[in-house]
Protein backbone atom coordinates (compact mmCIF):
# COMPACT_ATOMS: atom_id res chain seq x y z
CA MET A 1 0.00 0.00 0.00
CA ARG A 2 2.97 2.34 0.56
CA ALA A 3 3.32 2.91 -3.18
CA LEU A 4 -0.18 4.38 -3.35
CA CYS A 5 0.80 7.34 -1.17
CA VAL A 6 3.58 8.86 -3.24
CA PRO A 7 5.87 11.04 -1.07
CA GLY A 8 5.93 14.70 -2.09
CA PRO A 9 6.77 18.04 -0.47
CA LEU A 10 4.06 17.46 2.14
CA GLN A 11 4.29 13.69 2.46
CA ARG A 12 7.08 11.52 3.80
CA SER A 13 6.89 7.72 3.75
CA ARG A 14 7.50 7.14 7.46
CA VAL A 15 4.09 5.66 8.41
CA ARG A 16 3.57 1.94 8.93
CA THR A 17 1.79 0.31 6.02
CA SER A 18 -0.50 -1.65 8.34
CA THR A 19 -1.76 1.60 9.87
CA ILE A 20 -2.54 3.08 6.45
CA SER A 21 -4.30 -0.13 5.36
CA SER A 22 -6.51 -0.21 8.44
CA LEU A 23 -7.44 3.46 8.12
CA PHE A 24 -8.43 3.52 4.48
CA LEU A 25 -10.21 0.14 4.58
CA ASP A 26 -12.35 1.38 7.44
CA GLN A 27 -13.08 4.57 5.51
CA VAL A 28 -13.92 2.72 2.29
CA GLN A 29 -16.29 0.43 4.16
CA ARG A 30 -18.09 3.38 5.76
CA GLU A 31 -18.34 5.29 2.47
CA GLY A 32 -19.53 2.19 0.61
CA GLU A 33 -22.33 1.61 3.09
CA ALA A 34 -23.27 5.29 2.89
CA THR A 35 -23.45 5.13 -0.90
CA LYS A 36 -25.66 2.05 -0.82
CA HIS A 37 -27.89 3.72 1.76
CA LEU A 38 -28.38 6.72 -0.54
CA PHE A 39 -29.79 4.42 -3.21
CA GLN A 40 -32.12 2.75 -0.72
CA LEU A 41 -33.43 6.11 0.50
CA GLY A 42 -34.01 7.35 -3.02
CA ALA A 43 -31.45 10.14 -2.78
CA ILE A 44 -30.00 8.70 -5.97
CA PRO A 45 -32.41 7.49 -8.70
CA PRO A 46 -33.31 3.86 -8.07
CA GLY A 47 -31.95 0.95 -9.95
CA PRO A 48 -31.22 -2.72 -9.27
CA VAL A 49 -29.14 -3.00 -6.11
CA PRO A 50 -27.29 -6.30 -5.71
CA SER A 51 -27.42 -8.05 -2.36
CA SER A 52 -23.68 -7.46 -1.96
CA PRO A 53 -21.25 -5.05 -3.69
CA VAL A 54 -19.36 -7.96 -5.26
CA PRO A 55 -21.49 -11.07 -5.97
CA SER A 56 -19.82 -14.35 -5.09
CA GLU A 57 -20.81 -15.92 -8.44
CA PRO A 58 -20.36 -13.30 -11.21
CA SER A 59 -21.44 -15.78 -13.90
CA LYS A 60 -25.03 -16.00 -12.65
CA PRO A 61 -27.83 -14.09 -14.44
CA GLY A 62 -27.88 -10.43 -13.49
CA ALA A 63 -24.22 -10.46 -12.51
CA ASP A 64 -23.49 -7.70 -15.01
CA LYS A 65 -25.54 -5.39 -12.81
CA ALA A 66 -22.86 -5.77 -10.13
CA MET A 67 -20.25 -4.03 -12.28
CA PRO A 68 -21.24 -0.50 -11.17
CA TRP A 69 -20.75 -1.55 -7.58
CA LYS A 70 -17.30 -2.93 -8.37
CA LEU A 71 -16.30 0.34 -9.98
CA THR A 72 -17.87 2.30 -7.14
CA ALA A 73 -15.90 0.28 -4.62
CA LEU A 74 -12.70 0.89 -6.57
CA LEU A 75 -13.25 4.65 -6.71
CA LEU A 76 -14.14 4.75 -3.03
CA PHE A 77 -10.99 2.77 -2.34
CA LEU A 78 -8.89 5.36 -4.20
CA ALA A 79 -10.69 8.21 -2.45
CA GLY A 80 -9.87 6.57 0.85
CA VAL A 81 -6.21 6.26 -0.06
CA VAL A 82 -6.02 9.95 -1.00
CA SER A 83 -7.77 10.99 2.21
CA VAL A 84 -5.47 8.89 4.35
CA CYS A 85 -2.41 10.22 2.54
CA ARG A 86 -3.58 13.74 3.30
CA ALA A 87 -4.36 12.98 6.92
CA ARG A 88 -0.93 11.53 7.41
CA ALA A 89 0.66 14.54 5.70
CA ARG A 90 -0.40 16.77 8.58
CA THR A 91 1.34 14.66 11.21
CA ASP A 92 4.17 13.30 9.10
CA LEU A 93 5.67 16.78 8.88
CA LEU A 94 5.95 16.96 12.65
CA ASN A 95 8.64 15.59 14.93
CA VAL A 96 10.82 14.34 12.08
CA CYS A 97 14.52 14.38 11.30
CA MET A 98 15.95 15.44 7.99
CA ASP A 99 17.40 12.74 5.76
CA ALA A 100 21.01 13.92 5.88
CA LYS A 101 24.51 12.70 6.71
CA HIS A 102 24.68 13.31 10.46
CA HIS A 103 21.01 13.28 11.46
CA LYS A 104 19.41 10.52 13.48
CA VAL A 105 16.63 8.54 11.81
CA GLU A 106 14.14 9.61 14.48
CA PRO A 107 14.27 12.28 17.19
CA GLY A 108 14.64 11.36 20.83
CA PRO A 109 16.21 12.38 24.17
CA GLU A 110 19.92 13.24 24.22
CA ASP A 111 20.99 14.15 27.76
CA GLU A 112 24.59 14.94 26.86
CA LEU A 113 24.13 17.59 24.18
CA HIS A 114 26.81 20.27 24.29
CA ASP A 115 26.53 23.99 25.11
CA GLN A 116 24.44 25.81 22.46
CA CYS A 117 22.70 22.56 21.46
CA VAL A 118 21.35 21.89 24.97
CA PRO A 119 17.85 23.32 24.29
CA TRP A 120 17.11 20.27 22.11
CA LYS A 121 18.19 17.63 24.63
CA LYS A 122 14.64 16.46 25.40
CA ASN A 123 13.98 15.65 21.76
CA ALA A 124 16.83 15.91 19.28
CA CYS A 125 17.81 14.78 15.81
CA CYS A 126 21.52 15.08 16.68
CA SER A 127 23.72 12.91 18.87
CA ALA A 128 25.95 14.16 21.68
CA ARG A 129 29.04 13.59 19.52
CA VAL A 130 27.62 15.66 16.69
CA SER A 131 26.67 18.46 19.09
CA HIS A 132 30.27 18.71 20.30
CA GLU A 133 31.61 18.81 16.75
CA LEU A 134 29.20 21.60 15.83
CA HIS A 135 31.06 23.94 18.18
CA ARG A 136 34.45 23.40 16.58
CA ASP A 137 35.93 25.42 13.76
CA LYS A 138 36.79 23.00 10.93
CA SER A 139 35.01 20.15 12.66
CA SER A 140 35.18 16.61 11.34
CA LEU A 141 31.55 16.86 10.20
CA TYR A 142 32.06 19.11 7.19
CA ASN A 143 35.62 20.53 7.49
CA PHE A 144 34.11 23.98 7.23
CA SER A 145 35.92 26.98 8.69
CA TRP A 146 34.07 30.10 9.79
CA GLU A 147 37.42 31.90 10.06
CA HIS A 148 38.36 31.79 6.38
CA CYS A 149 39.07 35.54 6.59
CA GLY A 150 40.74 35.69 9.97
CA ARG A 151 39.32 35.64 13.46
CA MET A 152 35.54 35.78 13.75
CA GLU A 153 34.09 37.73 16.68
CA PRO A 154 32.82 35.37 19.43
CA ALA A 155 29.36 36.99 19.41
CA CYS A 156 29.14 36.35 15.67
CA LYS A 157 30.38 32.79 15.94
CA ARG A 158 27.73 32.05 18.56
CA HIS A 159 25.01 32.63 15.95
CA PHE A 160 26.64 30.23 13.52
CA ILE A 161 26.90 27.59 16.23
CA GLN A 162 23.23 28.08 17.07
CA ASN A 163 22.41 27.82 13.38
CA ASN A 164 24.32 24.54 13.29
CA CYS A 165 22.42 23.22 16.31
CA LEU A 166 19.07 24.14 14.77
CA TYR A 167 20.05 22.50 11.48
CA GLU A 168 21.32 19.25 13.00
CA CYS A 169 19.16 18.90 16.12
CA SER A 170 15.70 20.33 15.47
CA PRO A 171 12.78 17.93 14.82
CA ASN A 172 10.50 20.89 14.01
CA LEU A 173 11.50 21.78 10.45
CA GLY A 174 9.44 19.20 8.55
CA PRO A 175 7.05 21.68 6.91
CA TRP A 176 10.01 23.15 5.01
CA PHE A 177 11.76 19.96 3.90
CA GLN A 178 12.58 19.68 0.22
CA GLU A 179 14.10 16.72 -1.61
CA VAL A 180 17.61 17.23 -2.96
CA ASN A 181 20.10 14.99 -4.71
CA GLN A 182 23.38 15.55 -2.91
CA LYS A 183 25.98 13.09 -1.68
CA TRP A 184 25.67 14.19 1.92
CA ARG A 185 21.91 14.68 2.19
CA LYS A 186 18.64 13.76 0.52
CA GLU A 187 16.68 16.63 2.04
CA ARG A 188 17.18 20.25 2.99
CA PHE A 189 14.92 22.88 4.48
CA LEU A 190 13.92 25.90 2.42
CA ASN A 191 12.54 29.33 3.38
CA VAL A 192 12.08 28.60 7.07
CA PRO A 193 10.41 31.75 8.50
CA LEU A 194 13.02 33.04 10.92
CA CYS A 195 11.95 35.30 13.78
CA LYS A 196 12.83 38.93 13.20
CA GLU A 197 14.93 39.25 16.37
CA ASP A 198 17.07 36.25 15.45
CA CYS A 199 17.91 37.72 12.08
CA LEU A 200 18.55 41.25 13.37
CA ASP A 201 20.81 40.02 16.18
CA TRP A 202 22.73 37.73 13.83
CA TRP A 203 23.41 40.58 11.43
CA GLU A 204 24.28 43.09 14.17
CA ASP A 205 26.75 40.74 15.88
CA CYS A 206 28.45 39.75 12.61
CA ARG A 207 28.53 43.01 10.66
CA THR A 208 32.16 43.76 11.63
CA SER A 209 33.49 40.22 11.12
CA TYR A 210 35.02 39.28 7.77
CA THR A 211 34.17 36.97 4.90
CA CYS A 212 34.79 36.79 1.15
CA LYS A 213 31.47 35.40 -0.13
CA SER A 214 27.80 36.33 -0.01
CA SER A 215 26.75 32.67 -0.31
CA TRP A 216 28.44 30.04 1.81
CA HIS A 217 26.46 27.19 0.29
CA LYS A 218 28.94 26.46 -2.52
CA GLY A 219 31.72 27.93 -4.63
CA TRP A 220 34.59 27.48 -2.15
CA ASN A 221 38.12 26.37 -2.86
CA TRP A 222 38.40 22.95 -1.19
CA SER A 223 41.87 22.04 -2.45
CA SER A 224 43.32 22.14 1.07
CA GLY A 225 40.61 19.89 2.50
CA SER A 226 38.65 22.75 4.08
CA ASN A 227 36.93 25.78 2.60
CA GLN A 228 39.11 28.66 1.45
CA CYS A 229 38.23 31.86 -0.40
CA PRO A 230 38.03 31.32 -4.17
CA THR A 231 40.72 32.83 -6.37
CA GLY A 232 40.00 36.44 -7.20
CA THR A 233 37.94 37.19 -4.10
CA THR A 234 38.93 39.50 -1.25
CA CYS A 235 37.92 39.61 2.37
CA ASP A 236 35.65 42.38 3.57
CA THR A 237 33.17 42.97 6.37
CA PHE A 238 29.94 41.04 6.59
CA GLU A 239 28.10 44.32 6.17
CA SER A 240 29.67 44.84 2.75
CA PHE A 241 28.49 41.41 1.57
CA PHE A 242 25.20 41.50 3.48
CA PRO A 243 23.98 45.12 3.58
CA THR A 244 20.75 44.20 5.38
CA PRO A 245 19.67 41.57 7.93
CA ALA A 246 17.47 39.96 5.27
CA ALA A 247 20.44 39.66 2.89
CA LEU A 248 22.36 37.75 5.54
CA CYS A 249 19.61 35.44 6.75
CA GLU A 250 18.29 34.59 3.31
CA GLY A 251 21.49 34.60 1.31
CA ILE A 252 24.24 33.03 3.35
CA TRP A 253 22.85 29.48 3.23
CA ASN A 254 21.02 29.69 -0.10
CA HIS A 255 17.55 30.48 1.25
CA ASP A 256 17.48 28.11 4.18
CA TYR A 257 15.71 30.96 5.96
CA LYS A 258 13.15 33.59 5.11
CA PHE A 259 13.31 37.00 6.79
CA THR A 260 9.99 37.82 8.48
CA ASN A 261 8.45 40.57 10.60
CA TYR A 262 7.12 37.99 13.06
CA SER A 263 8.48 38.22 16.59
CA ARG A 264 9.45 35.48 19.00
CA GLY A 265 6.39 34.12 20.74
CA SER A 266 4.09 34.87 17.81
CA GLY A 267 3.73 31.21 16.90
CA ARG A 268 4.50 32.10 13.29
CA CYS A 269 8.31 32.06 13.15
CA ILE A 270 11.11 29.66 14.02
CA GLN A 271 13.54 30.68 16.75
CA MET A 272 17.14 29.82 16.04
CA TRP A 273 17.71 29.36 19.75
CA PHE A 274 15.51 29.30 22.85
CA ASP A 275 15.52 28.72 26.60
CA ALA A 276 14.74 25.05 27.15
CA ALA A 277 13.29 25.81 30.59
CA GLU A 278 10.42 27.60 28.84
CA GLY A 279 9.76 24.78 26.38
CA ASN A 280 10.39 24.54 22.67
CA PRO A 281 8.39 27.29 20.89
CA ASN A 282 9.18 25.82 17.48
CA GLU A 283 6.85 22.88 18.09
CA GLU A 284 3.81 25.17 17.93
CA VAL A 285 5.17 26.91 14.83
CA ALA A 286 5.70 23.61 13.00
CA ARG A 287 2.15 22.50 13.84
CA PHE A 288 0.71 25.76 12.50
CA TYR A 289 2.51 25.52 9.16
CA ALA A 290 1.95 21.77 8.77
CA LEU A 291 -1.79 22.20 9.20
CA ALA A 292 -1.85 25.22 6.91
CA LEU A 293 0.01 23.34 4.18
CA SER A 294 -2.21 20.29 4.49
CA ALA A 295 -5.37 22.40 4.41
CA GLY A 296 -4.16 24.01 1.21
CA THR A 297 -3.51 20.61 -0.34
CA MET A 298 -6.91 19.28 0.66
CA SER A 299 -8.75 22.14 -0.98
CA LEU A 300 -7.11 21.32 -4.31
CA GLY A 301 -6.87 17.56 -3.89
CA THR A 302 -8.42 14.75 -5.88
CA GLY A 303 -10.20 12.99 -3.03
CA PRO A 304 -13.51 14.88 -3.36
CA LEU A 305 -13.45 14.32 -7.13
CA LEU A 306 -12.95 10.59 -6.69
CA LEU A 307 -15.72 10.38 -4.12
CA SER A 308 -18.08 12.38 -6.34
CA ALA A 309 -17.28 10.12 -9.27
CA ALA A 310 -18.02 7.09 -7.13
CA LEU A 311 -21.42 8.47 -6.18
CA MET A 312 -22.30 9.53 -9.73
CA LEU A 313 -21.15 6.36 -11.46
CA PRO A 314 -24.24 4.20 -10.77
CA LEU A 315 -26.56 6.86 -12.25
CA GLY A 316 -25.51 5.95 -15.76
CA LEU A 317 -24.78 2.27 -15.29
CA LEU A 318 -27.75 1.02 -13.32
CA ASP A 319 -30.37 1.86 -15.97
């Protein structure tokens, strides 16, 4: 049954097949009985109604009249599959880990997370080892150096560490997952709505540090084993490469984030970092966007069309 629910931007094949089977079979049975009841009540013009949707002996006289019911059952079956796929889409975007090199398969407690990654210790997609590596310049994870243009200010570096922790540890970014075809990951997140304060503080604390590129996603010289400035580039302040907070937050990691005017606590933006003692505010944000995305899909989906077709089919075939 898994193949019937094709994974897309809003659907990820992480649900047990037996659960899906049980759900849509129950739904099909209910909708089939409802359709038959409409005929019996006269809500749909009458016609011969077989004693069961699928006669046990199709070769008997009158068996051809059972064909509409077979087709009705098939369409109801497909409608049930679509509905279940949609229902699972809402929850399958929540509490999930990205399919990438250093992420866990599923989130869970990690009591030994390090320093800036501690807020995720109750439910994390990163391991303790990964959290330690995220704090190191040129760590073994990606061999990436923040200080490719000399010393980075500690206040600036703190934001990059927090960004790393969010990227590797958060289970609340599912609504923004996109499939990619890269050696080190099969998914990324795109246009995550970042809280205004997080972006402003990041830019303010980094504006006097130095870099040589406006996009850190690719284009580096890796000949030494770690990232170096490409030939022909020169180092300058962050402010010269990122003249506004939005330019920094949206450009540096190739649109991982989207600059917003939402504030922390609004329930509409992701916080790059938070106080674990007050709970994880990003859980509420992920729920809001997952439901919004699923609602948008349902309004344009094919389920209602399939169900309507199933109800209309006998009108022309039971004459």
